[in-house]
């Protein structure tokens, strides 16, 4: 199989690549597991982490906002595409034009390249629970009513995936992710980035500010669980998805106060006391425009598994990213 990951050197793209390389197989055009022969990682930015060292990996520095680039990368031999490349929520809200250029026009360039392919590739589009807007509790049938530019761009992308799949241009599916916590690496421009920072920075010995109230709840998912969900939704049978190609990923919904309390329980007072509290009204507004609770039956039927608890999320980060060591 030949697979392309856009945004392939980012946090999720790189971790998906590592998981695919280790598994050495993915459901292919035959509907059965087929060996992974070539993996193209596409990104417009310099990798924060080195790409996987594997002869099957090709790293391409390119911008999918150029339609010709997308078509060159997604040629007739490509079997599957995972589309991660995007401007994150805070960036899309701050720069309206850039958000639509990357999140909508860039996505369509990828879709058009798949449409032009001689085959019918599987396409996994990265969506977000931001498509739901301010509904506190969401289920599979909750209407898409985004209240941010980012959410609107992702909702539009989902509709395109449905239509391109209906027309037989590709076999698409969209995965609506909760906030990913704990993201390794440096903070990004996502409005939700603080949810990782308030845990990641103290564990690594740094101070950090929390811009929202302790009562704020967030629907979250660990990177490890998210990567597995991408593989599960890719491998799902098209008949099981039906005409609704968007699938919601459930998560857990701790309050910020509960997240900090769990950090204190696991890592101690010295670590937890590295958090300060200075509100940011813009971030509070944006976070309050997202759902708090999700109960998606379709995702469970596909095998999606959320984290068991916020304690598990924190411990997973310590084990996976810190080698089991917490900074004094």
Protein backbone atom coordinates (compact mmCIF):
# COMPACT_ATOMS: atom_id res chain seq x y z
CA UNK A 1 0.00 0.00 0.00
CA UNK A 2 0.99 3.59 -0.63
CA UNK A 3 -0.19 6.07 2.01
CA UNK A 4 0.04 9.87 2.19
CA UNK A 5 -0.23 11.85 5.45
CA UNK A 6 -0.61 15.62 5.08
CA UNK A 7 0.64 17.46 8.13
CA UNK A 8 2.72 14.34 8.45
CA UNK A 9 5.43 15.77 10.71
CA UNK A 10 2.97 17.27 13.18
CA UNK A 11 2.11 15.73 16.51
CA UNK A 12 -0.65 13.38 15.35
CA UNK A 13 0.72 12.81 11.86
CA UNK A 14 4.09 11.65 13.12
CA UNK A 15 2.58 9.36 15.74
CA UNK A 16 0.23 7.85 13.20
CA UNK A 17 3.19 7.26 10.90
CA UNK A 18 5.09 5.45 13.64
CA UNK A 19 2.07 3.27 14.43
CA UNK A 20 1.51 2.39 10.76
CA UNK A 21 5.16 1.52 10.25
CA UNK A 22 5.16 -0.71 13.32
CA UNK A 23 1.97 -2.48 12.25
CA UNK A 24 3.27 -2.81 8.67
CA UNK A 25 -0.27 -3.14 7.33
CA UNK A 26 -3.55 -1.32 6.77
CA UNK A 27 -6.87 -2.21 5.17
CA UNK A 28 -6.38 -1.67 1.45
CA UNK A 29 -8.48 -1.54 -1.72
CA UNK A 30 -9.15 -5.26 -1.41
CA UNK A 31 -10.95 -4.70 1.90
CA UNK A 32 -8.31 -6.78 3.65
CA UNK A 33 -5.08 -5.91 5.43
CA UNK A 34 -2.30 -5.20 2.95
CA UNK A 35 1.41 -4.51 3.59
CA UNK A 36 2.58 -0.91 3.88
CA UNK A 37 5.07 -0.31 1.08
CA UNK A 38 5.44 3.48 0.97
CA UNK A 39 4.54 6.29 3.37
CA UNK A 40 4.74 9.93 2.25
CA UNK A 41 4.80 12.56 5.00
CA UNK A 42 3.86 15.98 3.64
CA UNK A 43 4.32 19.19 5.62
CA UNK A 44 4.87 22.87 4.93
CA UNK A 45 6.84 23.32 8.15
CA UNK A 46 10.20 22.14 9.44
CA UNK A 47 9.64 19.06 11.61
CA UNK A 48 9.81 19.68 15.35
CA UNK A 49 10.86 16.05 15.74
CA UNK A 50 12.94 13.98 13.32
CA UNK A 51 10.87 11.88 10.88
CA UNK A 52 10.82 8.12 11.36
CA UNK A 53 13.97 6.44 10.09
CA UNK A 54 12.54 3.84 7.75
CA UNK A 55 13.25 3.12 4.07
CA UNK A 56 9.51 3.19 3.37
CA UNK A 57 9.22 6.83 4.48
CA UNK A 58 9.47 9.79 2.12
CA UNK A 59 9.47 13.29 3.66
CA UNK A 60 8.18 16.04 1.36
CA UNK A 61 8.28 19.75 2.21
CA UNK A 62 5.27 21.16 0.36
CA UNK A 63 2.10 23.21 0.79
CA UNK A 64 -1.21 21.62 -0.15
CA UNK A 65 -2.70 25.08 -0.69
CA UNK A 66 -1.19 24.73 -4.18
CA UNK A 67 -3.51 22.44 -6.21
CA UNK A 68 -0.62 21.29 -8.42
CA UNK A 69 1.34 20.20 -5.36
CA UNK A 70 -1.59 18.19 -4.04
CA UNK A 71 -2.04 16.43 -7.37
CA UNK A 72 1.66 15.64 -7.65
CA UNK A 73 1.71 14.09 -4.19
CA UNK A 74 -1.54 12.16 -4.56
CA UNK A 75 -0.99 10.33 -7.82
CA UNK A 76 -2.66 7.26 -9.30
CA UNK A 77 -0.67 4.91 -7.07
CA UNK A 78 -1.91 6.29 -3.73
CA UNK A 79 -4.28 4.00 -1.83
CA UNK A 80 -5.01 6.05 1.30
CA UNK A 81 -4.75 9.65 2.47
CA UNK A 82 -4.86 10.94 6.04
CA UNK A 83 -5.48 14.70 5.93
CA UNK A 84 -4.13 16.41 9.06
CA UNK A 85 -2.75 19.67 7.61
CA UNK A 86 -4.67 22.59 9.10
CA UNK A 87 -4.60 25.96 10.81
CA UNK A 88 -5.63 25.36 14.43
CA UNK A 89 -8.64 26.93 16.13
CA UNK A 90 -7.08 30.07 17.58
CA UNK A 91 -5.12 30.75 14.40
CA UNK A 92 -8.20 30.30 12.21
CA UNK A 93 -10.18 32.70 14.37
CA UNK A 94 -7.40 35.31 14.39
CA UNK A 95 -6.72 35.15 10.63
CA UNK A 96 -9.98 34.56 8.77
CA UNK A 97 -8.40 34.41 5.30
CA UNK A 98 -5.60 32.04 6.27
CA UNK A 99 -8.02 29.72 8.04
CA UNK A 100 -10.20 29.36 4.95
CA UNK A 101 -7.20 29.12 2.63
CA UNK A 102 -5.71 26.17 4.49
CA UNK A 103 -8.66 24.47 6.18
CA UNK A 104 -11.12 24.72 3.30
CA UNK A 105 -9.24 25.43 0.06
CA UNK A 106 -6.35 23.18 1.08
CA UNK A 107 -8.74 20.37 1.97
CA UNK A 108 -10.51 20.72 -1.36
CA UNK A 109 -7.16 20.55 -3.18
CA UNK A 110 -6.51 17.23 -1.46
CA UNK A 111 -10.00 16.01 -2.31
CA UNK A 112 -9.66 17.08 -5.95
CA UNK A 113 -6.32 15.29 -6.23
CA UNK A 114 -7.98 12.13 -4.93
CA UNK A 115 -10.84 12.65 -7.37
CA UNK A 116 -8.36 12.90 -10.26
CA UNK A 117 -6.69 9.66 -9.20
CA UNK A 118 -7.25 6.60 -11.35
CA UNK A 119 -8.34 4.66 -8.28
CA UNK A 120 -10.75 5.30 -5.42
CA UNK A 121 -8.49 6.04 -2.44
CA UNK A 122 -9.63 6.00 1.16
CA UNK A 123 -9.54 9.50 2.63
CA UNK A 124 -9.60 10.24 6.36
CA UNK A 125 -10.43 13.88 7.08
CA UNK A 126 -9.52 15.30 10.48
CA UNK A 127 -12.52 17.14 11.87
CA UNK A 128 -13.32 18.48 15.32
CA UNK A 129 -16.07 18.63 17.89
CA UNK A 130 -15.98 22.38 17.21
CA UNK A 131 -18.44 21.61 14.39
CA UNK A 132 -21.17 21.28 17.04
CA UNK A 133 -20.87 24.75 18.50
CA UNK A 134 -22.10 25.38 22.02
CA UNK A 135 -24.21 22.26 22.63
CA UNK A 136 -23.11 20.98 26.03
CA UNK A 137 -24.16 17.37 25.42
CA UNK A 138 -23.76 15.86 21.96
CA UNK A 139 -24.87 12.60 20.36
CA UNK A 140 -24.55 11.23 16.84
CA UNK A 141 -27.61 13.16 15.62
CA UNK A 142 -26.71 16.54 17.12
CA UNK A 143 -26.81 19.10 14.27
CA UNK A 144 -23.62 20.83 13.16
CA UNK A 145 -23.88 24.45 14.33
CA UNK A 146 -20.31 25.77 14.61
CA UNK A 147 -19.73 29.05 16.41
CA UNK A 148 -16.12 29.63 15.31
CA UNK A 149 -14.44 29.98 11.92
CA UNK A 150 -12.46 26.80 12.59
CA UNK A 151 -15.63 24.86 13.34
CA UNK A 152 -17.30 26.21 10.19
CA UNK A 153 -14.32 25.19 8.06
CA UNK A 154 -14.31 21.68 9.49
CA UNK A 155 -18.08 21.31 9.09
CA UNK A 156 -17.81 22.36 5.44
CA UNK A 157 -15.00 19.88 4.93
CA UNK A 158 -17.19 17.11 6.33
CA UNK A 159 -19.99 17.94 3.89
CA UNK A 160 -17.49 17.78 1.05
CA UNK A 161 -16.28 14.37 2.23
CA UNK A 162 -19.89 13.15 2.21
CA UNK A 163 -20.52 14.47 -1.29
CA UNK A 164 -17.26 13.29 -2.86
CA UNK A 165 -17.89 9.86 -1.34
CA UNK A 166 -21.48 9.82 -2.62
CA UNK A 167 -20.19 10.55 -6.11
CA UNK A 168 -17.64 7.75 -5.85
CA UNK A 169 -14.64 10.07 -6.22
CA UNK A 170 -13.07 8.57 -3.10
CA UNK A 171 -14.05 6.53 -0.04
CA UNK A 172 -14.05 9.19 2.66
CA UNK A 173 -14.62 9.34 6.36
CA UNK A 174 -14.30 12.23 8.85
CA UNK A 175 -13.21 11.84 12.47
CA UNK A 176 -14.43 14.51 14.90
CA UNK A 177 -11.78 14.82 17.57
CA UNK A 178 -12.11 16.23 21.08
CA UNK A 179 -9.28 18.39 22.41
CA UNK A 180 -6.06 16.36 22.37
CA UNK A 181 -4.43 16.26 25.81
CA UNK A 182 -1.54 16.03 26.61
CA UNK A 183 0.10 17.28 23.41
CA UNK A 184 3.89 16.87 23.58
CA UNK A 185 6.26 19.57 22.36
CA UNK A 186 5.82 23.32 22.39
CA UNK A 187 2.50 25.20 22.74
CA UNK A 188 0.67 25.99 19.50
CA UNK A 189 -1.91 28.61 18.51
CA UNK A 190 -4.90 26.42 19.34
CA UNK A 191 -7.31 28.03 21.79
CA UNK A 192 -7.36 24.68 23.57
CA UNK A 193 -3.58 24.52 23.87
CA UNK A 194 -3.62 25.55 27.51
CA UNK A 195 -5.31 22.24 28.42
CA UNK A 196 -2.07 20.48 27.52
CA UNK A 197 0.20 23.25 28.80
CA UNK A 198 -1.21 23.26 32.34
CA UNK A 199 -0.18 19.61 32.65
CA UNK A 200 2.84 19.36 30.33
CA UNK A 201 4.82 22.38 31.52
CA UNK A 202 4.62 21.65 35.28
CA UNK A 203 5.61 18.02 34.66
CA UNK A 204 8.67 19.29 32.79
CA UNK A 205 9.65 21.79 35.47
CA UNK A 206 8.17 24.96 33.95
CA UNK A 207 5.58 27.44 35.18
CA UNK A 208 2.38 28.05 33.21
CA UNK A 209 -0.76 30.19 33.30
CA UNK A 210 -4.29 28.80 33.07
CA UNK A 211 -6.51 31.29 31.16
CA UNK A 212 -9.91 29.78 32.04
CA UNK A 213 -11.83 29.12 35.23
CA UNK A 214 -11.36 25.96 37.26
CA UNK A 215 -15.03 25.13 36.66
CA UNK A 216 -14.58 24.98 32.88
CA UNK A 217 -15.06 21.51 31.44
CA UNK A 218 -13.37 20.17 28.33
CA UNK A 219 -13.93 17.05 26.27
CA UNK A 220 -10.47 15.51 25.89
CA UNK A 221 -8.64 12.54 24.39
CA UNK A 222 -5.02 11.41 24.62
CA UNK A 223 -2.79 11.28 21.51
CA UNK A 224 -2.45 7.51 21.90
CA UNK A 225 -6.22 6.96 21.75
CA UNK A 226 -6.61 9.47 18.90
CA UNK A 227 -4.09 7.68 16.69
CA UNK A 228 -5.86 4.37 17.21
CA UNK A 229 -9.19 5.99 16.32
CA UNK A 230 -7.74 7.20 13.00
CA UNK A 231 -6.69 3.66 12.16
CA UNK A 232 -10.07 2.28 13.21
CA UNK A 233 -12.08 4.76 11.13
CA UNK A 234 -9.80 4.19 8.13
CA UNK A 235 -10.27 0.44 8.35
CA UNK A 236 -14.06 0.66 8.79
CA UNK A 237 -16.17 -0.78 6.00
CA UNK A 238 -17.90 1.85 3.84
CA UNK A 239 -21.24 0.09 4.25
CA UNK A 240 -20.93 0.39 8.01
CA UNK A 241 -20.45 4.16 7.67
CA UNK A 242 -23.31 4.63 5.21
CA UNK A 243 -24.03 8.06 3.77
CA UNK A 244 -23.01 9.83 7.00
CA UNK A 245 -19.24 9.72 6.84
CA UNK A 246 -18.61 11.87 9.92
CA UNK A 247 -17.98 9.95 13.14
CA UNK A 248 -17.72 11.43 16.62
CA UNK A 249 -14.92 10.34 18.92
CA UNK A 250 -16.00 10.15 22.55
CA UNK A 251 -13.71 11.41 25.28
CA UNK A 252 -13.69 12.18 28.98
CA UNK A 253 -14.92 15.51 30.37
CA UNK A 254 -12.97 16.63 33.43
CA UNK A 255 -13.12 20.18 34.70
CA UNK A 256 -9.90 22.16 34.69
CA UNK A 257 -9.95 21.97 38.47
CA UNK A 258 -10.19 18.18 38.31
CA UNK A 259 -7.29 18.07 35.86
CA UNK A 260 -5.11 20.09 38.23
CA UNK A 261 -6.20 17.97 41.20
CA UNK A 262 -5.20 14.81 39.32
CA UNK A 263 -1.84 16.38 38.49
CA UNK A 264 -1.36 17.19 42.17
CA UNK A 265 -2.25 13.62 43.18
CA UNK A 266 0.17 12.05 40.68
CA UNK A 267 3.07 14.51 40.72
CA UNK A 268 2.76 16.33 44.04
CA UNK A 269 2.25 19.87 45.29
CA UNK A 270 5.51 21.29 43.94
CA UNK A 271 4.52 20.39 40.38
CA UNK A 272 0.88 21.50 40.65
CA UNK A 273 1.83 24.81 42.26
CA UNK A 274 3.66 25.80 39.06
CA UNK A 275 0.23 26.75 37.64
CA UNK A 276 -1.00 30.34 37.94
CA UNK A 277 -4.50 31.60 37.11
CA UNK A 278 -4.98 34.71 34.97
CA UNK A 279 -8.19 34.74 32.87
CA UNK A 280 -8.33 35.40 29.13
CA UNK A 281 -11.87 36.31 28.06
CA UNK A 282 -11.32 35.39 24.40
CA UNK A 283 -10.07 31.90 25.21
CA UNK A 284 -12.83 31.40 27.78
CA UNK A 285 -15.44 32.37 25.17
CA UNK A 286 -14.03 30.03 22.56
CA UNK A 287 -13.75 27.06 24.92
CA UNK A 288 -17.30 27.70 26.12
CA UNK A 289 -18.46 27.41 22.48
CA UNK A 290 -17.44 23.73 22.40
CA UNK A 291 -19.27 20.66 23.73
CA UNK A 292 -18.50 19.27 27.16
CA UNK A 293 -19.96 15.75 26.91
CA UNK A 294 -20.17 13.28 24.02
CA UNK A 295 -22.09 10.02 23.73
CA UNK A 296 -21.46 8.67 20.25
CA UNK A 297 -22.86 5.20 19.58
CA UNK A 298 -21.43 4.93 16.05
CA UNK A 299 -17.90 5.48 17.30
CA UNK A 300 -18.25 2.76 19.91
CA UNK A 301 -19.56 0.40 17.24
CA UNK A 302 -16.37 1.06 15.26
CA UNK A 303 -14.29 0.16 18.30
CA UNK A 304 -13.30 3.65 19.45
CA UNK A 305 -12.09 3.65 23.05
CA UNK A 306 -11.74 6.87 25.09
CA UNK A 307 -9.32 7.15 27.97
CA UNK A 308 -10.52 5.74 31.27
CA UNK A 309 -9.73 8.85 33.34
CA UNK A 310 -7.71 12.06 33.47
CA UNK A 311 -5.26 10.17 35.67
CA UNK A 312 -4.69 7.72 32.81
CA UNK A 313 -4.11 10.61 30.39
CA UNK A 314 -1.46 12.15 32.66
CA UNK A 315 0.26 8.84 33.34
CA UNK A 316 0.30 8.00 29.61
CA UNK A 317 2.12 11.27 28.90
CA UNK A 318 4.64 10.60 31.66
CA UNK A 319 5.30 7.11 30.31
CA UNK A 320 5.27 7.90 26.57
CA UNK A 321 6.96 11.31 26.49
CA UNK A 322 8.94 11.73 29.72
CA UNK A 323 10.37 8.26 30.10
CA UNK A 324 8.52 7.91 33.38
CA UNK A 325 10.41 10.85 34.93
CA UNK A 326 8.82 14.00 36.42
CA UNK A 327 10.94 17.15 36.74
CA UNK A 328 11.63 18.26 40.31
